[in-house]
Amino acid sequence: MVKHTDRIVTGAHYGLKDWLVQRVTAVVMIFYLLVLAFLIFVFSPQDYGAWKNIFSNQWMRIATFLFFIALLWHAWIGVRNILMDYIHPTAIRLTVQILVIISLLFYLVWSAEILWS
């Protein structure tokens, strides 16, 4: 006789959504890096003025900001998964996760300030 036991599912169930976000953010970052490599190849910036000229275009600032959003989102998913796997005490894990979130938000604001200053 086979006994049917109810499986107790615990924790957050991100699974497919996180897998998809990791792939989409990776594609966004690769696309941006290819565009940036092309621009560097074409314009060959040698000094601060040339670099500033590349990033003076509004579309490049927006693309760079989207790159940073994708990078930080990608990083958050990876770090969160590592923390959930390896830090088991809930209070410590949540504290570290909050510190990571604050840090990533700080980096996002800082990148916006750099791009539009």
PDB file of N, CA and C in Angstrom:
ATOM      1  N   MET A   1       0.837  -1.166   0.000  1.00  0.00           N
ATOM      2  CA  MET A   1       0.000   0.000   0.000  1.00  0.00           C
ATOM      3  C   MET A   1       0.896   1.248   0.000  1.00  0.00           C
ATOM      4  N   VAL A   2       0.571   2.195  -0.826  1.00  0.00           N
ATOM      5  CA  VAL A   2       1.331   3.440  -0.915  1.00  0.00           C
ATOM      6  C   VAL A   2       0.622   4.501  -0.097  1.00  0.00           C
ATOM      7  N   LYS A   3       1.363   5.073   0.795  1.00  0.00           N
ATOM      8  CA  LYS A   3       0.780   6.140   1.600  1.00  0.00           C
ATOM      9  C   LYS A   3       0.976   7.469   0.883  1.00  0.00           C
ATOM     10  N   HIS A   4      -0.054   8.237   0.862  1.00  0.00           N
ATOM     11  CA  HIS A   4       0.030   9.574   0.267  1.00  0.00           C
ATOM     12  C   HIS A   4       0.352  10.569   1.369  1.00  0.00           C
ATOM     13  N   THR A   5       1.488  11.189   1.238  1.00  0.00           N
ATOM     14  CA  THR A   5       1.853  12.204   2.226  1.00  0.00           C
ATOM     15  C   THR A   5       1.792  13.558   1.565  1.00  0.00           C
ATOM     16  N   ASP A   6       1.222  14.480   2.254  1.00  0.00           N
ATOM     17  CA  ASP A   6       1.158  15.840   1.736  1.00  0.00           C
ATOM     18  C   ASP A   6       2.540  16.466   1.839  1.00  0.00           C
ATOM     19  N   ARG A   7       2.950  17.028   0.774  1.00  0.00           N
ATOM     20  CA  ARG A   7       4.253  17.680   0.735  1.00  0.00           C
ATOM     21  C   ARG A   7       4.099  19.077   1.311  1.00  0.00           C
ATOM     22  N   ILE A   8       4.896  19.397   2.289  1.00  0.00           N
ATOM     23  CA  ILE A   8       4.858  20.723   2.886  1.00  0.00           C
ATOM     24  C   ILE A   8       5.835  21.603   2.124  1.00  0.00           C
ATOM     25  N   VAL A   9       5.301  22.608   1.502  1.00  0.00           N
ATOM     26  CA  VAL A   9       6.122  23.512   0.711  1.00  0.00           C
ATOM     27  C   VAL A   9       6.384  24.749   1.548  1.00  0.00           C
ATOM     28  N   THR A  10       7.647  25.068   1.666  1.00  0.00           N
ATOM     29  CA  THR A  10       8.008  26.232   2.468  1.00  0.00           C
ATOM     30  C   THR A  10       8.833  27.203   1.654  1.00  0.00           C
ATOM     31  N   GLY A  11       8.923  28.408   2.136  1.00  0.00           N
ATOM     32  CA  GLY A  11       9.758  29.417   1.503  1.00  0.00           C
ATOM     33  C   GLY A  11       9.057  30.105   0.350  1.00  0.00           C
ATOM     34  N   ALA A  12       9.766  31.073  -0.192  1.00  0.00           N
ATOM     35  CA  ALA A  12       9.237  31.818  -1.332  1.00  0.00           C
ATOM     36  C   ALA A  12       9.444  30.986  -2.596  1.00  0.00           C
ATOM     37  N   HIS A  13       8.545  31.125  -3.533  1.00  0.00           N
ATOM     38  CA  HIS A  13       8.602  30.334  -4.762  1.00  0.00           C
ATOM     39  C   HIS A  13       8.808  31.279  -5.936  1.00  0.00           C
ATOM     40  N   TYR A  14      10.054  31.610  -6.188  1.00  0.00           N
ATOM     41  CA  TYR A  14      10.362  32.555  -7.253  1.00  0.00           C
ATOM     42  C   TYR A  14      10.575  31.805  -8.565  1.00  0.00           C
ATOM     43  N   GLY A  15      11.351  30.761  -8.536  1.00  0.00           N
ATOM     44  CA  GLY A  15      11.552  29.834  -9.635  1.00  0.00           C
ATOM     45  C   GLY A  15      11.634  30.416 -11.020  1.00  0.00           C
ATOM     46  N   LEU A  16      10.578  30.198 -11.796  1.00  0.00           N
ATOM     47  CA  LEU A  16      10.561  30.570 -13.207  1.00  0.00           C
ATOM     48  C   LEU A  16      10.716  32.070 -13.399  1.00  0.00           C
ATOM     49  N   LYS A  17      10.063  32.858 -12.561  1.00  0.00           N
ATOM     50  CA  LYS A  17      10.153  34.315 -12.693  1.00  0.00           C
ATOM     51  C   LYS A  17      11.606  34.777 -12.538  1.00  0.00           C
ATOM     52  N   ASP A  18      12.288  34.278 -11.520  1.00  0.00           N
ATOM     53  CA  ASP A  18      13.683  34.665 -11.307  1.00  0.00           C
ATOM     54  C   ASP A  18      14.580  34.165 -12.433  1.00  0.00           C
ATOM     55  N   TRP A  19      14.331  32.954 -12.887  1.00  0.00           N
ATOM     56  CA  TRP A  19      15.103  32.408 -13.997  1.00  0.00           C
ATOM     57  C   TRP A  19      14.961  33.305 -15.224  1.00  0.00           C
ATOM     58  N   LEU A  20      13.726  33.711 -15.503  1.00  0.00           N
ATOM     59  CA  LEU A  20      13.462  34.558 -16.659  1.00  0.00           C
ATOM     60  C   LEU A  20      14.080  35.945 -16.487  1.00  0.00           C
ATOM     61  N   VAL A  21      13.951  36.530 -15.296  1.00  0.00           N
ATOM     62  CA  VAL A  21      14.536  37.857 -15.047  1.00  0.00           C
ATOM     63  C   VAL A  21      16.048  37.802 -15.206  1.00  0.00           C
ATOM     64  N   GLN A  22      16.690  36.743 -14.716  1.00  0.00           N
ATOM     65  CA  GLN A  22      18.136  36.612 -14.861  1.00  0.00           C
ATOM     66  C   GLN A  22      18.517  36.588 -16.341  1.00  0.00           C
ATOM     67  N   ARG A  23      17.768  35.878 -17.157  1.00  0.00           N
ATOM     68  CA  ARG A  23      18.093  35.793 -18.586  1.00  0.00           C
ATOM     69  C   ARG A  23      17.824  37.107 -19.295  1.00  0.00           C
ATOM     70  N   VAL A  24      16.709  37.744 -18.993  1.00  0.00           N
ATOM     71  CA  VAL A  24      16.373  39.017 -19.659  1.00  0.00           C
ATOM     72  C   VAL A  24      17.375  40.098 -19.277  1.00  0.00           C
ATOM     73  N   THR A  25      17.715  40.196 -17.992  1.00  0.00           N
ATOM     74  CA  THR A  25      18.690  41.212 -17.588  1.00  0.00           C
ATOM     75  C   THR A  25      20.056  40.925 -18.196  1.00  0.00           C
ATOM     76  N   ALA A  26      20.413  39.664 -18.345  1.00  0.00           N
ATOM     77  CA  ALA A  26      21.685  39.319 -18.985  1.00  0.00           C
ATOM     78  C   ALA A  26      21.692  39.759 -20.445  1.00  0.00           C
ATOM     79  N   VAL A  27      20.575  39.557 -21.140  1.00  0.00           N
ATOM     80  CA  VAL A  27      20.478  39.973 -22.545  1.00  0.00           C
ATOM     81  C   VAL A  27      20.557  41.496 -22.652  1.00  0.00           C
ATOM     82  N   VAL A  28      19.883  42.200 -21.762  1.00  0.00           N
ATOM     83  CA  VAL A  28      19.936  43.664 -21.761  1.00  0.00           C
ATOM     84  C   VAL A  28      21.379  44.134 -21.558  1.00  0.00           C
ATOM     85  N   MET A  29      22.074  43.527 -20.601  1.00  0.00           N
ATOM     86  CA  MET A  29      23.455  43.932 -20.335  1.00  0.00           C
ATOM     87  C   MET A  29      24.376  43.619 -21.509  1.00  0.00           C
ATOM     88  N   ILE A  30      24.206  42.460 -22.125  1.00  0.00           N
ATOM     89  CA  ILE A  30      25.035  42.101 -23.289  1.00  0.00           C
ATOM     90  C   ILE A  30      24.776  43.067 -24.437  1.00  0.00           C
ATOM     91  N   PHE A  31      23.518  43.375 -24.697  1.00  0.00           N
ATOM     92  CA  PHE A  31      23.183  44.312 -25.775  1.00  0.00           C
ATOM     93  C   PHE A  31      23.824  45.678 -25.523  1.00  0.00           C
ATOM     94  N   TYR A  32      23.711  46.178 -24.293  1.00  0.00           N
ATOM     95  CA  TYR A  32      24.316  47.468 -23.959  1.00  0.00           C
ATOM     96  C   TYR A  32      25.828  47.424 -24.153  1.00  0.00           C
ATOM     97  N   LEU A  33      26.465  46.361 -23.686  1.00  0.00           N
ATOM     98  CA  LEU A  33      27.924  46.264 -23.809  1.00  0.00           C
ATOM     99  C   LEU A  33      28.364  46.188 -25.269  1.00  0.00           C
ATOM    100  N   LEU A  34      27.569  45.537 -26.113  1.00  0.00           N
ATOM    101  CA  LEU A  34      27.890  45.515 -27.543  1.00  0.00           C
ATOM    102  C   LEU A  34      27.776  46.908 -28.159  1.00  0.00           C
ATOM    103  N   VAL A  35      26.724  47.639 -27.790  1.00  0.00           N
ATOM    104  CA  VAL A  35      26.568  49.013 -28.280  1.00  0.00           C
ATOM    105  C   VAL A  35      27.722  49.879 -27.786  1.00  0.00           C
ATOM    106  N   LEU A  36      28.068  49.758 -26.507  1.00  0.00           N
ATOM    107  CA  LEU A  36      29.175  50.539 -25.958  1.00  0.00           C
ATOM    108  C   LEU A  36      30.496  50.187 -26.638  1.00  0.00           C
ATOM    109  N   ALA A  37      30.738  48.910 -26.883  1.00  0.00           N
ATOM    110  CA  ALA A  37      31.967  48.495 -27.580  1.00  0.00           C
ATOM    111  C   ALA A  37      32.006  49.068 -28.988  1.00  0.00           C
ATOM    112  N   PHE A  38      30.862  49.072 -29.668  1.00  0.00           N
ATOM    113  CA  PHE A  38      30.793  49.657 -31.007  1.00  0.00           C
ATOM    114  C   PHE A  38      31.114  51.153 -30.961  1.00  0.00           C
ATOM    115  N   LEU A  39      30.528  51.864 -30.002  1.00  0.00           N
ATOM    116  CA  LEU A  39      30.785  53.300 -29.886  1.00  0.00           C
ATOM    117  C   LEU A  39      32.249  53.585 -29.563  1.00  0.00           C
ATOM    118  N   ILE A  40      32.833  52.784 -28.709  1.00  0.00           N
ATOM    119  CA  ILE A  40      34.252  52.963 -28.386  1.00  0.00           C
ATOM    120  C   ILE A  40      35.110  52.679 -29.611  1.00  0.00           C
ATOM    121  N   PHE A  41      34.741  51.660 -30.377  1.00  0.00           N
ATOM    122  CA  PHE A  41      35.487  51.344 -31.597  1.00  0.00           C
ATOM    123  C   PHE A  41      35.382  52.465 -32.617  1.00  0.00           C
ATOM    124  N   VAL A  42      34.184  53.015 -32.784  1.00  0.00           N
ATOM    125  CA  VAL A  42      33.962  54.056 -33.792  1.00  0.00           C
ATOM    126  C   VAL A  42      34.589  55.382 -33.379  1.00  0.00           C
ATOM    127  N   PHE A  43      34.374  55.806 -32.136  1.00  0.00           N
ATOM    128  CA  PHE A  43      34.813  57.135 -31.709  1.00  0.00           C
ATOM    129  C   PHE A  43      36.190  57.143 -31.046  1.00  0.00           C
ATOM    130  N   SER A  44      36.684  56.023 -30.598  1.00  0.00           N
ATOM    131  CA  SER A  44      37.990  55.913 -29.931  1.00  0.00           C
ATOM    132  C   SER A  44      38.247  57.056 -28.953  1.00  0.00           C
ATOM    133  N   PRO A  45      37.462  57.150 -27.899  1.00  0.00           N
ATOM    134  CA  PRO A  45      37.663  58.259 -26.954  1.00  0.00           C
ATOM    135  C   PRO A  45      39.012  58.133 -26.252  1.00  0.00           C
ATOM    136  N   GLN A  46      39.788  59.221 -26.304  1.00  0.00           N
ATOM    137  CA  GLN A  46      41.123  59.211 -25.720  1.00  0.00           C
ATOM    138  C   GLN A  46      41.234  60.078 -24.477  1.00  0.00           C
ATOM    139  N   ASP A  47      40.257  60.949 -24.269  1.00  0.00           N
ATOM    140  CA  ASP A  47      40.331  61.843 -23.113  1.00  0.00           C
ATOM    141  C   ASP A  47      38.936  62.012 -22.509  1.00  0.00           C
ATOM    142  N   TYR A  48      38.896  62.739 -21.417  1.00  0.00           N
ATOM    143  CA  TYR A  48      37.643  62.951 -20.695  1.00  0.00           C
ATOM    144  C   TYR A  48      36.589  63.601 -21.584  1.00  0.00           C
ATOM    145  N   GLY A  49      36.987  64.568 -22.379  1.00  0.00           N
ATOM    146  CA  GLY A  49      36.040  65.269 -23.245  1.00  0.00           C
ATOM    147  C   GLY A  49      35.360  64.340 -24.238  1.00  0.00           C
ATOM    148  N   ALA A  50      36.119  63.403 -24.792  1.00  0.00           N
ATOM    149  CA  ALA A  50      35.548  62.461 -25.754  1.00  0.00           C
ATOM    150  C   ALA A  50      34.567  61.509 -25.065  1.00  0.00           C
ATOM    151  N   TRP A  51      34.932  61.052 -23.870  1.00  0.00           N
ATOM    152  CA  TRP A  51      34.025  60.186 -23.118  1.00  0.00           C
ATOM    153  C   TRP A  51      32.758  60.950 -22.731  1.00  0.00           C
ATOM    154  N   LYS A  52      32.937  62.192 -22.308  1.00  0.00           N
ATOM    155  CA  LYS A  52      31.782  63.006 -21.925  1.00  0.00           C
ATOM    156  C   LYS A  52      30.863  63.234 -23.130  1.00  0.00           C
ATOM    157  N   ASN A  53      31.457  63.393 -24.300  1.00  0.00           N
ATOM    158  CA  ASN A  53      30.676  63.590 -25.515  1.00  0.00           C
ATOM    159  C   ASN A  53      29.807  62.366 -25.823  1.00  0.00           C
ATOM    160  N   ILE A  54      30.362  61.165 -25.614  1.00  0.00           N
ATOM    161  CA  ILE A  54      29.582  59.945 -25.854  1.00  0.00           C
ATOM    162  C   ILE A  54      28.374  59.892 -24.914  1.00  0.00           C
ATOM    163  N   PHE A  55      28.598  60.236 -23.657  1.00  0.00           N
ATOM    164  CA  PHE A  55      27.528  60.128 -22.668  1.00  0.00           C
ATOM    165  C   PHE A  55      26.689  61.402 -22.545  1.00  0.00           C
ATOM    166  N   SER A  56      26.936  62.377 -23.401  1.00  0.00           N
ATOM    167  CA  SER A  56      26.114  63.592 -23.363  1.00  0.00           C
ATOM    168  C   SER A  56      24.781  63.390 -24.075  1.00  0.00           C
ATOM    169  N   ASN A  57      24.681  62.380 -24.914  1.00  0.00           N
ATOM    170  CA  ASN A  57      23.423  62.077 -25.598  1.00  0.00           C
ATOM    171  C   ASN A  57      22.429  61.482 -24.602  1.00  0.00           C
ATOM    172  N   GLN A  58      21.213  61.993 -24.635  1.00  0.00           N
ATOM    173  CA  GLN A  58      20.192  61.540 -23.692  1.00  0.00           C
ATOM    174  C   GLN A  58      19.908  60.043 -23.837  1.00  0.00           C
ATOM    175  N   TRP A  59      19.885  59.537 -25.064  1.00  0.00           N
ATOM    176  CA  TRP A  59      19.610  58.118 -25.281  1.00  0.00           C
ATOM    177  C   TRP A  59      20.695  57.245 -24.655  1.00  0.00           C
ATOM    178  N   MET A  60      21.941  57.717 -24.669  1.00  0.00           N
ATOM    179  CA  MET A  60      23.032  56.945 -24.073  1.00  0.00           C
ATOM    180  C   MET A  60      22.931  56.955 -22.546  1.00  0.00           C
ATOM    181  N   ARG A  61      22.528  58.074 -21.995  1.00  0.00           N
ATOM    182  CA  ARG A  61      22.331  58.133 -20.544  1.00  0.00           C
ATOM    183  C   ARG A  61      21.215  57.182 -20.107  1.00  0.00           C
ATOM    184  N   ILE A  62      20.113  57.187 -20.853  1.00  0.00           N
ATOM    185  CA  ILE A  62      18.993  56.307 -20.526  1.00  0.00           C
ATOM    186  C   ILE A  62      19.412  54.847 -20.692  1.00  0.00           C
ATOM    187  N   ALA A  63      20.122  54.533 -21.778  1.00  0.00           N
ATOM    188  CA  ALA A  63      20.584  53.158 -21.997  1.00  0.00           C
ATOM    189  C   ALA A  63      21.533  52.724 -20.882  1.00  0.00           C
ATOM    190  N   THR A  64      22.402  53.626 -20.456  1.00  0.00           N
ATOM    191  CA  THR A  64      23.330  53.302 -19.371  1.00  0.00           C
ATOM    192  C   THR A  64      22.584  53.096 -18.064  1.00  0.00           C
ATOM    193  N   PHE A  65      21.587  53.933 -17.811  1.00  0.00           N
ATOM    194  CA  PHE A  65      20.791  53.775 -16.591  1.00  0.00           C
ATOM    195  C   PHE A  65      20.024  52.455 -16.619  1.00  0.00           C
ATOM    196  N   LEU A  66      19.469  52.087 -17.780  1.00  0.00           N
ATOM    197  CA  LEU A  66      18.788  50.798 -17.911  1.00  0.00           C
ATOM    198  C   LEU A  66      19.766  49.648 -17.699  1.00  0.00           C
ATOM    199  N   PHE A  67      21.008  49.821 -18.176  1.00  0.00           N
ATOM    200  CA  PHE A  67      22.039  48.821 -17.924  1.00  0.00           C
ATOM    201  C   PHE A  67      22.261  48.645 -16.424  1.00  0.00           C
ATOM    202  N   PHE A  68      22.354  49.762 -15.690  1.00  0.00           N
ATOM    203  CA  PHE A  68      22.563  49.670 -14.254  1.00  0.00           C
ATOM    204  C   PHE A  68      21.365  49.045 -13.541  1.00  0.00           C
ATOM    205  N   ILE A  69      20.160  49.360 -13.992  1.00  0.00           N
ATOM    206  CA  ILE A  69      18.973  48.725 -13.408  1.00  0.00           C
ATOM    207  C   ILE A  69      19.044  47.217 -13.626  1.00  0.00           C
ATOM    208  N   ALA A  70      19.363  46.799 -14.853  1.00  0.00           N
ATOM    209  CA  ALA A  70      19.464  45.378 -15.157  1.00  0.00           C
ATOM    210  C   ALA A  70      20.579  44.722 -14.337  1.00  0.00           C
ATOM    211  N   LEU A  71      21.709  45.386 -14.223  1.00  0.00           N
ATOM    212  CA  LEU A  71      22.838  44.845 -13.466  1.00  0.00           C
ATOM    213  C   LEU A  71      22.484  44.651 -11.996  1.00  0.00           C
ATOM    214  N   LEU A  72      21.860  45.664 -11.407  1.00  0.00           N
ATOM    215  CA  LEU A  72      21.539  45.587  -9.987  1.00  0.00           C
ATOM    216  C   LEU A  72      20.415  44.581  -9.714  1.00  0.00           C
ATOM    217  N   TRP A  73      19.448  44.486 -10.612  1.00  0.00           N
ATOM    218  CA  TRP A  73      18.378  43.502 -10.463  1.00  0.00           C
ATOM    219  C   TRP A  73      18.954  42.081 -10.581  1.00  0.00           C
ATOM    220  N   HIS A  74      19.835  41.900 -11.572  1.00  0.00           N
ATOM    221  CA  HIS A  74      20.516  40.625 -11.776  1.00  0.00           C
ATOM    222  C   HIS A  74      21.315  40.251 -10.525  1.00  0.00           C
ATOM    223  N   ALA A  75      22.037  41.226  -9.991  1.00  0.00           N
ATOM    224  CA  ALA A  75      22.840  40.991  -8.784  1.00  0.00           C
ATOM    225  C   ALA A  75      21.946  40.657  -7.598  1.00  0.00           C
ATOM    226  N   TRP A  76      20.832  41.368  -7.465  1.00  0.00           N
ATOM    227  CA  TRP A  76      19.940  41.128  -6.329  1.00  0.00           C
ATOM    228  C   TRP A  76      19.433  39.685  -6.326  1.00  0.00           C
ATOM    229  N   ILE A  77      19.009  39.192  -7.474  1.00  0.00           N
ATOM    230  CA  ILE A  77      18.488  37.830  -7.530  1.00  0.00           C
ATOM    231  C   ILE A  77      19.574  36.826  -7.145  1.00  0.00           C
ATOM    232  N   GLY A  78      20.771  37.026  -7.663  1.00  0.00           N
ATOM    233  CA  GLY A  78      21.864  36.121  -7.333  1.00  0.00           C
ATOM    234  C   GLY A  78      22.234  36.160  -5.862  1.00  0.00           C
ATOM    235  N   VAL A  79      22.371  37.354  -5.316  1.00  0.00           N
ATOM    236  CA  VAL A  79      22.745  37.489  -3.908  1.00  0.00           C
ATOM    237  C   VAL A  79      21.631  36.954  -3.014  1.00  0.00           C
ATOM    238  N   ARG A  80      20.380  37.262  -3.339  1.00  0.00           N
ATOM    239  CA  ARG A  80      19.260  36.773  -2.530  1.00  0.00           C
ATOM    240  C   ARG A  80      19.224  35.251  -2.506  1.00  0.00           C
ATOM    241  N   ASN A  81      19.454  34.623  -3.661  1.00  0.00           N
ATOM    242  CA  ASN A  81      19.452  33.162  -3.705  1.00  0.00           C
ATOM    243  C   ASN A  81      20.601  32.578  -2.885  1.00  0.00           C
ATOM    244  N   ILE A  82      21.757  33.193  -2.950  1.00  0.00           N
ATOM    245  CA  ILE A  82      22.891  32.726  -2.150  1.00  0.00           C
ATOM    246  C   ILE A  82      22.587  32.873  -0.666  1.00  0.00           C
ATOM    247  N   LEU A  83      22.032  34.018  -0.286  1.00  0.00           N
ATOM    248  CA  LEU A  83      21.705  34.225   1.124  1.00  0.00           C
ATOM    249  C   LEU A  83      20.656  33.228   1.606  1.00  0.00           C
ATOM    250  N   MET A  84      19.652  32.944   0.775  1.00  0.00           N
ATOM    251  CA  MET A  84      18.619  31.983   1.182  1.00  0.00           C
ATOM    252  C   MET A  84      19.189  30.576   1.300  1.00  0.00           C
ATOM    253  N   ASP A  85      20.182  30.249   0.482  1.00  0.00           N
ATOM    254  CA  ASP A  85      20.772  28.916   0.525  1.00  0.00           C
ATOM    255  C   ASP A  85      21.726  28.722   1.698  1.00  0.00           C
ATOM    256  N   TYR A  86      22.462  29.769   2.068  1.00  0.00           N
ATOM    257  CA  TYR A  86      23.567  29.579   2.997  1.00  0.00           C
ATOM    258  C   TYR A  86      23.411  30.242   4.365  1.00  0.00           C
ATOM    259  N   ILE A  87      22.490  31.168   4.512  1.00  0.00           N
ATOM    260  CA  ILE A  87      22.270  31.785   5.821  1.00  0.00           C
ATOM    261  C   ILE A  87      20.893  31.350   6.306  1.00  0.00           C
ATOM    262  N   HIS A  88      20.879  30.434   7.247  1.00  0.00           N
ATOM    263  CA  HIS A  88      19.617  29.840   7.676  1.00  0.00           C
ATOM    264  C   HIS A  88      18.899  30.601   8.792  1.00  0.00           C
ATOM    265  N   PRO A  89      19.608  31.223   9.738  1.00  0.00           N
ATOM    266  CA  PRO A  89      18.870  31.997  10.758  1.00  0.00           C
ATOM    267  C   PRO A  89      18.143  33.183  10.097  1.00  0.00           C
ATOM    268  N   THR A  90      16.843  33.210  10.265  1.00  0.00           N
ATOM    269  CA  THR A  90      16.015  34.194   9.557  1.00  0.00           C
ATOM    270  C   THR A  90      16.407  35.631   9.867  1.00  0.00           C
ATOM    271  N   ALA A  91      16.657  35.948  11.108  1.00  0.00           N
ATOM    272  CA  ALA A  91      16.980  37.336  11.480  1.00  0.00           C
ATOM    273  C   ALA A  91      18.261  37.803  10.807  1.00  0.00           C
ATOM    274  N   ILE A  92      19.263  36.959  10.782  1.00  0.00           N
ATOM    275  CA  ILE A  92      20.532  37.334  10.147  1.00  0.00           C
ATOM    276  C   ILE A  92      20.347  37.478   8.642  1.00  0.00           C
ATOM    277  N   ARG A  93      19.648  36.508   8.043  1.00  0.00           N
ATOM    278  CA  ARG A  93      19.429  36.557   6.593  1.00  0.00           C
ATOM    279  C   ARG A  93      18.661  37.808   6.188  1.00  0.00           C
ATOM    280  N   LEU A  94      17.596  38.139   6.913  1.00  0.00           N
ATOM    281  CA  LEU A  94      16.809  39.325   6.569  1.00  0.00           C
ATOM    282  C   LEU A  94      17.610  40.608   6.772  1.00  0.00           C
ATOM    283  N   THR A  95      18.427  40.634   7.810  1.00  0.00           N
ATOM    284  CA  THR A  95      19.269  41.812   8.041  1.00  0.00           C
ATOM    285  C   THR A  95      20.251  42.011   6.888  1.00  0.00           C
ATOM    286  N   VAL A  96      20.893  40.930   6.477  1.00  0.00           N
ATOM    287  CA  VAL A  96      21.845  41.026   5.364  1.00  0.00           C
ATOM    288  C   VAL A  96      21.107  41.390   4.076  1.00  0.00           C
ATOM    289  N   GLN A  97      19.930  40.819   3.858  1.00  0.00           N
ATOM    290  CA  GLN A  97      19.164  41.155   2.651  1.00  0.00           C
ATOM    291  C   GLN A  97      18.782  42.631   2.636  1.00  0.00           C
ATOM    292  N   ILE A  98      18.374  43.155   3.769  1.00  0.00           N
ATOM    293  CA  ILE A  98      18.029  44.581   3.838  1.00  0.00           C
ATOM    294  C   ILE A  98      19.255  45.443   3.554  1.00  0.00           C
ATOM    295  N   LEU A  99      20.406  45.060   4.092  1.00  0.00           N
ATOM    296  CA  LEU A  99      21.640  45.810   3.820  1.00  0.00           C
ATOM    297  C   LEU A  99      22.003  45.765   2.337  1.00  0.00           C
ATOM    298  N   VAL A 100      21.809  44.617   1.723  1.00  0.00           N
ATOM    299  CA  VAL A 100      22.088  44.493   0.287  1.00  0.00           C
ATOM    300  C   VAL A 100      21.132  45.366  -0.515  1.00  0.00           C
ATOM    301  N   ILE A 101      19.843  45.343  -0.170  1.00  0.00           N
ATOM    302  CA  ILE A 101      18.857  46.163  -0.881  1.00  0.00           C
ATOM    303  C   ILE A 101      19.202  47.650  -0.752  1.00  0.00           C
ATOM    304  N   ILE A 102      19.539  48.084   0.444  1.00  0.00           N
ATOM    305  CA  ILE A 102      19.906  49.489   0.657  1.00  0.00           C
ATOM    306  C   ILE A 102      21.131  49.839  -0.166  1.00  0.00           C
ATOM    307  N   SER A 103      22.112  48.961  -0.176  1.00  0.00           N
ATOM    308  CA  SER A 103      23.330  49.206  -0.961  1.00  0.00           C
ATOM    309  C   SER A 103      23.016  49.315  -2.446  1.00  0.00           C
ATOM    310  N   LEU A 104      22.213  48.388  -2.970  1.00  0.00           N
ATOM    311  CA  LEU A 104      21.882  48.406  -4.391  1.00  0.00           C
ATOM    312  C   LEU A 104      21.079  49.652  -4.765  1.00  0.00           C
ATOM    313  N   LEU A 105      20.165  50.060  -3.904  1.00  0.00           N
ATOM    314  CA  LEU A 105      19.421  51.299  -4.175  1.00  0.00           C
ATOM    315  C   LEU A 105      20.337  52.515  -4.140  1.00  0.00           C
ATOM    316  N   PHE A 106      21.280  52.514  -3.205  1.00  0.00           N
ATOM    317  CA  PHE A 106      22.261  53.594  -3.149  1.00  0.00           C
ATOM    318  C   PHE A 106      23.057  53.653  -4.454  1.00  0.00           C
ATOM    319  N   TYR A 107      23.500  52.492  -4.960  1.00  0.00           N
ATOM    320  CA  TYR A 107      24.262  52.458  -6.207  1.00  0.00           C
ATOM    321  C   TYR A 107      23.417  52.929  -7.387  1.00  0.00           C
ATOM    322  N   LEU A 108      22.136  52.619  -7.386  1.00  0.00           N
ATOM    323  CA  LEU A 108      21.263  53.060  -8.470  1.00  0.00           C
ATOM    324  C   LEU A 108      21.112  54.581  -8.458  1.00  0.00           C
ATOM    325  N   VAL A 109      20.882  55.145  -7.280  1.00  0.00           N
ATOM    326  CA  VAL A 109      20.769  56.608  -7.170  1.00  0.00           C
ATOM    327  C   VAL A 109      22.091  57.270  -7.539  1.00  0.00           C
ATOM    328  N   TRP A 110      23.175  56.687  -7.098  1.00  0.00           N
ATOM    329  CA  TRP A 110      24.500  57.230  -7.400  1.00  0.00           C
ATOM    330  C   TRP A 110      24.779  57.205  -8.902  1.00  0.00           C
ATOM    331  N   SER A 111      24.395  56.128  -9.572  1.00  0.00           N
ATOM    332  CA  SER A 111      24.602  56.062 -11.022  1.00  0.00           C
ATOM    333  C   SER A 111      23.764  57.111 -11.738  1.00  0.00           C
ATOM    334  N   ALA A 112      22.543  57.349 -11.270  1.00  0.00           N
ATOM    335  CA  ALA A 112      21.701  58.399 -11.875  1.00  0.00           C
ATOM    336  C   ALA A 112      22.332  59.759 -11.665  1.00  0.00           C
ATOM    337  N   GLU A 113      22.861  59.990 -10.470  1.00  0.00           N
ATOM    338  CA  GLU A 113      23.507  61.268 -10.188  1.00  0.00           C
ATOM    339  C   GLU A 113      24.720  61.477 -11.094  1.00  0.00           C
ATOM    340  N   ILE A 114      25.502  60.441 -11.299  1.00  0.00           N
ATOM    341  CA  ILE A 114      26.683  60.540 -12.164  1.00  0.00           C
ATOM    342  C   ILE A 114      26.266  60.808 -13.600  1.00  0.00           C
ATOM    343  N   LEU A 115      25.246  60.091 -14.074  1.00  0.00           N
ATOM    344  CA  LEU A 115      24.837  60.234 -15.468  1.00  0.00           C
ATOM    345  C   LEU A 115      24.221  61.601 -15.770  1.00  0.00           C
ATOM    346  N   TRP A 116      23.495  62.169 -14.832  1.00  0.00           N
ATOM    347  CA  TRP A 116      22.799  63.426 -15.108  1.00  0.00           C
ATOM    348  C   TRP A 116      23.392  64.627 -14.373  1.00  0.00           C
ATOM    349  N   SER A 117      24.639  64.525 -13.943  1.00  0.00           N
ATOM    350  CA  SER A 117      25.255  65.693 -13.308  1.00  0.00           C
ATOM    351  C   SER A 117      26.162  66.426 -14.272  1.00  0.00           C
TER     352      SER A 117
END
